[in-house]
Protein backbone atom coordinates (compact mmCIF):
# COMPACT_ATOMS: atom_id res chain seq x y z
CA MET A 1 -131.16 -59.98 -13.20
CA LYS A 2 -133.58 -61.98 -15.34
CA ALA A 3 -131.80 -62.77 -18.59
CA MET A 4 -133.94 -62.82 -21.73
CA VAL A 5 -133.12 -64.02 -25.22
CA SER A 6 -136.31 -63.14 -27.09
CA GLU A 7 -137.70 -59.64 -27.65
CA ARG A 8 -141.20 -61.11 -27.56
CA GLN A 9 -140.49 -62.54 -24.12
CA LEU A 10 -139.34 -59.07 -23.06
CA ALA A 11 -142.55 -57.49 -24.35
CA TRP A 12 -144.66 -60.11 -22.59
CA THR A 13 -142.76 -59.61 -19.32
CA LEU A 14 -143.23 -55.83 -19.47
CA GLY A 15 -146.87 -56.13 -20.55
CA VAL A 16 -146.39 -53.87 -23.57
CA PRO A 17 -146.80 -54.87 -27.25
CA LEU A 18 -143.45 -55.37 -28.95
CA ALA A 19 -144.32 -52.90 -31.71
CA ARG A 20 -145.00 -50.22 -29.10
CA LEU A 21 -141.74 -50.93 -27.27
CA ARG A 22 -139.84 -50.59 -30.52
CA GLY A 23 -141.69 -47.38 -31.35
CA ILE A 24 -140.79 -45.78 -28.00
CA ALA A 25 -137.20 -47.02 -28.20
CA GLY A 26 -136.82 -45.59 -31.70
CA ASN A 27 -137.89 -42.13 -30.59
CA ALA A 28 -136.97 -42.04 -26.90
CA ARG A 29 -136.13 -38.34 -26.91
CA ALA A 30 -139.80 -37.47 -27.49
CA HIS A 31 -140.69 -39.20 -24.22
CA TYR A 32 -138.50 -37.03 -21.98
CA ARG A 33 -138.77 -33.56 -20.55
CA GLU A 34 -135.40 -31.95 -19.87
CA TRP A 35 -134.43 -28.97 -17.73
CA LYS A 36 -131.39 -27.56 -15.95
CA THR A 37 -131.03 -27.33 -12.18
CA CYS A 38 -128.29 -25.60 -10.22
CA ASP A 39 -126.71 -27.17 -7.14
CA LYS A 40 -125.73 -24.05 -5.20
CA ILE A 41 -123.66 -26.00 -2.68
CA LYS A 42 -121.50 -27.82 -5.22
CA GLY A 43 -121.67 -25.12 -7.88
CA LYS A 44 -122.90 -27.60 -10.48
CA VAL A 45 -125.50 -27.33 -13.21
CA ARG A 46 -127.23 -30.66 -13.77
CA THR A 47 -129.49 -31.72 -16.63
CA ILE A 48 -132.55 -33.56 -15.34
CA CYS A 49 -134.32 -35.82 -17.84
CA SER A 50 -137.74 -36.92 -16.65
CA PRO A 51 -139.56 -39.60 -18.71
CA ASP A 52 -143.25 -39.24 -19.46
CA ASP A 53 -145.79 -41.45 -17.70
CA GLU A 54 -145.73 -44.19 -20.36
CA LEU A 55 -141.97 -44.60 -20.46
CA LYS A 56 -141.68 -44.20 -16.69
CA ALA A 57 -144.13 -47.09 -16.17
CA ILE A 58 -142.10 -49.25 -18.58
CA GLN A 59 -138.85 -48.36 -16.80
CA ARG A 60 -140.32 -49.18 -13.39
CA ASN A 61 -141.36 -52.59 -14.72
CA ILE A 62 -137.84 -53.09 -16.10
CA ASN A 63 -136.55 -52.48 -12.58
CA LYS A 64 -139.09 -54.76 -10.92
CA ARG A 65 -139.39 -57.61 -13.42
CA ILE A 66 -135.99 -57.72 -15.11
CA ILE A 67 -133.16 -55.99 -13.23
CA GLY A 68 -134.20 -56.80 -9.65
CA VAL A 69 -131.75 -56.54 -6.75
CA ASP A 70 -130.19 -60.01 -6.79
CA GLY A 71 -126.87 -58.73 -8.09
CA VAL A 72 -126.64 -55.87 -5.57
CA GLY A 73 -124.43 -56.67 -2.60
CA PRO A 74 -124.68 -55.55 1.04
CA ASP A 75 -122.30 -52.62 0.52
CA VAL A 76 -124.58 -50.76 -1.92
CA HIS A 77 -127.06 -48.34 -0.35
CA GLY A 78 -128.34 -46.25 -3.29
CA GLY A 79 -131.43 -47.37 -5.17
CA VAL A 80 -132.02 -50.31 -2.81
CA ARG A 81 -135.17 -50.66 -0.77
CA HIS A 82 -134.77 -50.11 2.99
CA ARG A 83 -131.33 -48.57 2.43
CA SER A 84 -130.57 -44.87 2.33
CA PRO A 85 -127.86 -42.25 2.88
CA LYS A 86 -128.46 -42.81 6.59
CA THR A 87 -127.76 -46.55 6.46
CA ASN A 88 -124.79 -45.80 4.20
CA ALA A 89 -123.28 -43.39 6.76
CA GLY A 90 -124.09 -45.74 9.63
CA GLN A 91 -121.55 -48.29 8.36
CA HIS A 92 -118.71 -45.87 9.10
CA ILE A 93 -119.61 -44.58 12.58
CA GLY A 94 -116.72 -44.76 15.03
CA CYS A 95 -114.03 -45.12 12.37
CA ARG A 96 -110.52 -43.73 12.84
CA ILE A 97 -110.20 -42.52 9.22
CA LEU A 98 -112.92 -41.99 6.61
CA VAL A 99 -112.13 -41.73 2.89
CA THR A 100 -114.77 -40.48 0.47
CA LEU A 101 -114.47 -40.13 -3.28
CA ASP A 102 -116.78 -39.57 -6.23
CA VAL A 103 -116.99 -41.06 -9.69
CA ARG A 104 -116.35 -38.26 -12.18
CA SER A 105 -119.42 -37.20 -14.24
CA PHE A 106 -121.08 -40.46 -13.29
CA PHE A 107 -124.35 -40.66 -15.25
CA PRO A 108 -123.02 -38.99 -18.43
CA SER A 109 -120.01 -41.34 -18.29
CA VAL A 110 -122.16 -44.50 -18.33
CA ARG A 111 -122.44 -44.73 -22.10
CA HIS A 112 -125.03 -46.72 -24.01
CA GLU A 113 -122.41 -49.17 -25.31
CA MET A 114 -121.42 -49.94 -21.71
CA VAL A 115 -125.05 -50.67 -20.82
CA PHE A 116 -125.47 -52.88 -23.92
CA ARG A 117 -122.28 -54.80 -23.16
CA MET A 118 -123.30 -55.31 -19.52
CA LEU A 119 -126.73 -56.63 -20.53
CA ARG A 120 -125.09 -59.08 -22.91
CA GLU A 121 -122.76 -60.20 -20.11
CA CYS A 122 -125.85 -60.85 -17.98
CA GLY A 123 -127.18 -63.25 -20.61
CA CYS A 124 -129.57 -61.11 -22.63
CA GLY A 125 -129.90 -61.74 -26.36
CA THR A 126 -128.55 -59.12 -28.76
CA GLY A 127 -131.99 -57.81 -29.71
CA VAL A 128 -133.16 -57.69 -26.09
CA ALA A 129 -130.00 -55.90 -24.95
CA ARG A 130 -130.32 -53.37 -27.77
CA LEU A 131 -133.99 -52.69 -27.02
CA LEU A 132 -133.42 -52.37 -23.25
CA THR A 133 -130.50 -50.03 -23.86
CA LYS A 134 -132.63 -47.73 -26.01
CA LEU A 135 -135.42 -47.75 -23.41
CA THR A 136 -133.07 -46.78 -20.57
CA THR A 137 -130.56 -44.35 -22.14
CA LEU A 138 -130.84 -40.89 -23.65
CA HIS A 139 -128.30 -38.96 -25.73
CA GLY A 140 -126.07 -42.03 -25.50
CA ALA A 141 -125.90 -42.15 -21.67
CA LEU A 142 -127.91 -42.85 -18.52
CA PRO A 143 -130.41 -40.01 -18.01
CA GLN A 144 -130.40 -38.43 -14.57
CA GLY A 145 -134.06 -38.60 -13.57
CA ALA A 146 -135.07 -41.96 -15.07
CA PRO A 147 -136.02 -44.67 -12.53
CA THR A 148 -133.80 -47.23 -14.30
CA SER A 149 -130.56 -45.23 -14.15
CA VAL A 150 -129.47 -46.09 -10.59
CA PRO A 151 -130.41 -49.81 -10.78
CA ILE A 152 -128.50 -50.14 -14.07
CA ALA A 153 -125.50 -48.36 -12.56
CA ASN A 154 -125.62 -50.71 -9.56
CA LEU A 155 -125.70 -53.74 -11.84
CA LEU A 156 -122.86 -52.30 -13.92
CA LEU A 157 -120.58 -51.91 -10.88
CA ALA A 158 -121.60 -54.97 -8.86
CA ARG A 159 -119.06 -57.50 -10.14
CA PRO A 160 -116.04 -55.37 -11.13
CA VAL A 161 -116.15 -52.88 -8.22
CA ASP A 162 -118.44 -53.66 -5.29
CA GLN A 163 -117.69 -57.36 -4.82
CA PRO A 164 -113.86 -57.21 -4.86
CA THR A 165 -113.68 -53.93 -2.91
CA GLY A 166 -116.08 -55.20 -0.26
CA ALA A 167 -114.03 -58.39 0.12
CA GLN A 168 -110.80 -56.37 0.30
CA ALA A 169 -112.25 -54.11 2.99
CA ARG A 170 -113.49 -56.98 5.14
CA ALA A 171 -110.12 -58.75 4.86
CA SER A 172 -108.42 -55.67 6.34
CA ALA A 173 -111.07 -54.97 9.03
CA ALA A 174 -112.28 -51.92 7.07
CA SER A 175 -115.69 -50.87 5.74
CA TYR A 176 -116.72 -50.10 2.16
CA THR A 177 -119.98 -48.58 0.94
CA ARG A 178 -121.27 -47.05 -2.27
CA PHE A 179 -124.25 -44.73 -2.62
CA VAL A 180 -124.69 -44.33 -6.40
CA ASP A 181 -121.43 -42.52 -7.28
CA ASP A 182 -120.35 -41.69 -3.71
CA ILE A 183 -117.82 -44.20 -2.40
CA GLY A 184 -116.87 -44.47 1.27
CA MET A 185 -114.08 -46.47 2.90
CA SER A 186 -113.17 -46.41 6.57
CA GLY A 187 -110.86 -48.09 9.05
CA ASP A 188 -107.29 -47.69 10.26
CA ARG A 189 -105.75 -47.20 6.80
CA PRO A 190 -108.56 -47.09 4.20
CA GLN A 191 -106.56 -44.74 1.95
CA THR A 192 -104.53 -47.77 0.80
CA MET A 193 -107.60 -48.91 -1.18
CA ILE A 194 -108.00 -45.71 -3.22
CA ASN A 195 -105.88 -46.81 -6.17
CA ASP A 196 -107.48 -50.27 -6.21
CA VAL A 197 -110.97 -48.76 -6.40
CA ALA A 198 -109.89 -46.37 -9.16
CA ARG A 199 -108.42 -49.25 -11.15
CA ARG A 200 -111.62 -51.31 -10.81
CA LEU A 201 -113.77 -48.40 -11.92
CA SER A 202 -111.55 -47.91 -14.95
CA VAL A 203 -112.44 -51.46 -16.03
CA ARG A 204 -115.94 -50.08 -16.65
CA GLY A 205 -114.59 -46.93 -18.29
CA LEU A 206 -115.18 -44.68 -15.26
CA LYS A 207 -112.81 -42.26 -13.54
CA THR A 208 -112.50 -40.86 -10.03
CA TYR A 209 -111.27 -37.61 -8.57
CA ARG A 210 -107.85 -38.57 -7.20
CA GLY A 211 -105.57 -35.54 -7.48
CA ARG A 212 -104.33 -33.83 -4.33
CA ARG A 213 -106.31 -30.72 -5.17
CA ASP A 214 -109.56 -32.58 -5.91
CA GLU A 215 -112.09 -31.57 -3.26
CA LYS A 216 -114.10 -34.73 -3.93
CA LEU A 217 -111.36 -36.98 -2.60
CA LYS A 218 -111.33 -36.51 1.17
CA ILE A 219 -109.28 -38.29 3.83
CA GLN A 220 -110.99 -37.43 7.11
CA PRO A 221 -109.51 -38.38 10.51
CA HIS A 222 -111.74 -38.66 13.56
CA SER A 223 -110.22 -35.47 14.98
CA ARG A 224 -112.05 -33.49 12.26
CA PRO A 225 -115.65 -33.50 10.98
CA GLN A 226 -116.24 -36.74 9.10
CA GLU A 227 -118.89 -36.41 6.42
CA ILE A 228 -120.26 -38.85 3.85
CA THR A 229 -123.17 -38.16 1.48
CA GLY A 230 -123.87 -34.97 3.42
CA ILE A 231 -124.11 -36.78 6.76
CA LEU A 232 -121.82 -36.21 9.75
CA ILE A 233 -120.86 -39.26 11.82
CA ASN A 234 -118.50 -37.92 14.53
CA SER A 235 -121.17 -37.69 17.23
CA GLY A 236 -121.74 -41.45 17.23
CA ARG A 237 -124.96 -41.18 15.23
CA PRO A 238 -125.72 -39.84 11.74
CA THR A 239 -126.62 -36.13 11.67
CA LEU A 240 -127.35 -33.95 8.64
CA ALA A 241 -124.79 -31.27 7.83
CA ARG A 242 -126.16 -27.75 8.37
CA ARG A 243 -125.45 -26.62 4.82
CA HIS A 244 -127.88 -29.22 3.49
CA ARG A 245 -130.64 -27.90 5.73
CA ASP A 246 -129.82 -24.41 4.48
CA LYS A 247 -130.02 -25.69 0.92
CA VAL A 248 -133.59 -26.91 1.50
CA ARG A 249 -134.50 -23.54 3.02
CA ALA A 250 -133.08 -21.78 -0.08
CA ALA A 251 -135.03 -24.07 -2.41
CA ILE A 252 -138.24 -23.26 -0.52
CA HIS A 253 -137.53 -19.55 -0.90
CA ASP A 254 -136.82 -19.93 -4.65
CA VAL A 255 -139.92 -21.98 -5.50
CA ALA A 256 -142.14 -18.88 -5.39
CA LYS A 257 -140.11 -17.41 -8.26
CA ILE A 258 -140.84 -20.28 -10.66
CA ALA A 259 -143.44 -19.19 -13.21
CA ASN A 260 -143.78 -22.41 -15.22
CA PRO A 261 -146.42 -24.60 -13.48
CA ALA A 262 -144.80 -27.90 -14.52
CA GLU A 263 -141.37 -26.82 -13.28
CA ARG A 264 -142.94 -25.48 -10.08
CA ASP A 265 -144.66 -28.81 -9.41
CA GLU A 266 -141.39 -30.65 -10.06
CA ALA A 267 -139.57 -28.31 -7.67
CA LEU A 268 -142.21 -28.88 -4.98
CA ARG A 269 -141.86 -32.65 -5.34
CA SER A 270 -138.12 -32.29 -4.95
CA ILE A 271 -138.51 -30.07 -1.88
CA ARG A 272 -140.92 -32.46 -0.21
CA GLY A 273 -138.49 -35.31 -0.83
CA ARG A 274 -135.70 -33.27 0.74
CA LEU A 275 -137.92 -32.43 3.71
CA ALA A 276 -138.56 -36.12 4.27
CA HIS A 277 -134.78 -36.64 4.23
CA VAL A 278 -134.25 -33.87 6.82
CA LYS A 279 -137.03 -35.36 8.97
CA ARG A 280 -135.11 -38.64 9.34
CA PHE A 281 -132.37 -36.79 11.21
CA HIS A 282 -133.92 -33.59 12.60
CA PRO A 283 -137.73 -33.79 13.00
CA GLY A 284 -137.97 -30.36 14.64
CA VAL A 285 -136.04 -28.64 11.85
CA ALA A 286 -138.22 -30.41 9.28
CA ARG A 287 -141.40 -29.15 10.95
CA ARG A 288 -140.13 -25.56 10.85
CA LEU A 289 -139.17 -25.90 7.19
CA GLU A 290 -142.59 -27.37 6.36
CA ALA A 291 -144.24 -24.39 8.07
CA HIS A 292 -142.01 -22.05 6.05
CA LEU A 293 -143.06 -23.81 2.84
CA SER A 294 -146.73 -23.41 3.76
CA ARG A 295 -146.22 -19.66 4.26
CA ILE A 296 -144.40 -19.36 0.91
CA LEU A 297 -147.25 -21.14 -0.86
CA GLY A 298 -149.72 -18.72 0.72
């Protein structure tokens, strides 16, 4: 990350007048459009917060010119160019045991004070850290839908979680990966690292699902389907779980019911992104789904 002491230097780096940056930061809520979306597979309702074009351009420049990827290690696959859920899953192929766990309520749990403190730790001046925090958070947390949210989360977890856990895994001939809030560990006895990961996350004020009845903590032997970020790895190559293909098909069916043009366009963008994801694993299935979408759109 590029540390900055002066707010004027920040404005110059982003190519936006300082007065305008302060104006947007002081009324960030007016620059977002919010809506609810239902994940039928997980039974979750998520709040998506999409910034307008002006704030989105500023956030993309924050990613490119300030945050960067220098602090992101080799074990992080979310929000990093040329890495994906597929490369994430590929690190665990052929393992005897796969452990997957999630960070509980990840984006809402990354509070604005945590972001501010992290930016100060990275060398930013108080004014710069405060301004960047206001430009990248909403309602006191990381907004799900802003381009800066994943890079900030990666930077937040790089030193306290990713670096020590990656070193621990390599020392025990195991593998560790993180895709945003999805953590994977594999090897002969990767379950021994669960408590260590949970403790490291708690340093940043984050919690995991660890109880015996928590469905998000899974210990998967090779004798059963091994799945990470929706990808199966038992066959020796990454394949997409059927329920995720069915989820795309359901989203295509539902898009015709959306009356609001803006929400419909957003849904179509999401569907096309999902189709591209399916195409990486199953090109034939993706072609059939694309044809189905064309019929739905008339």
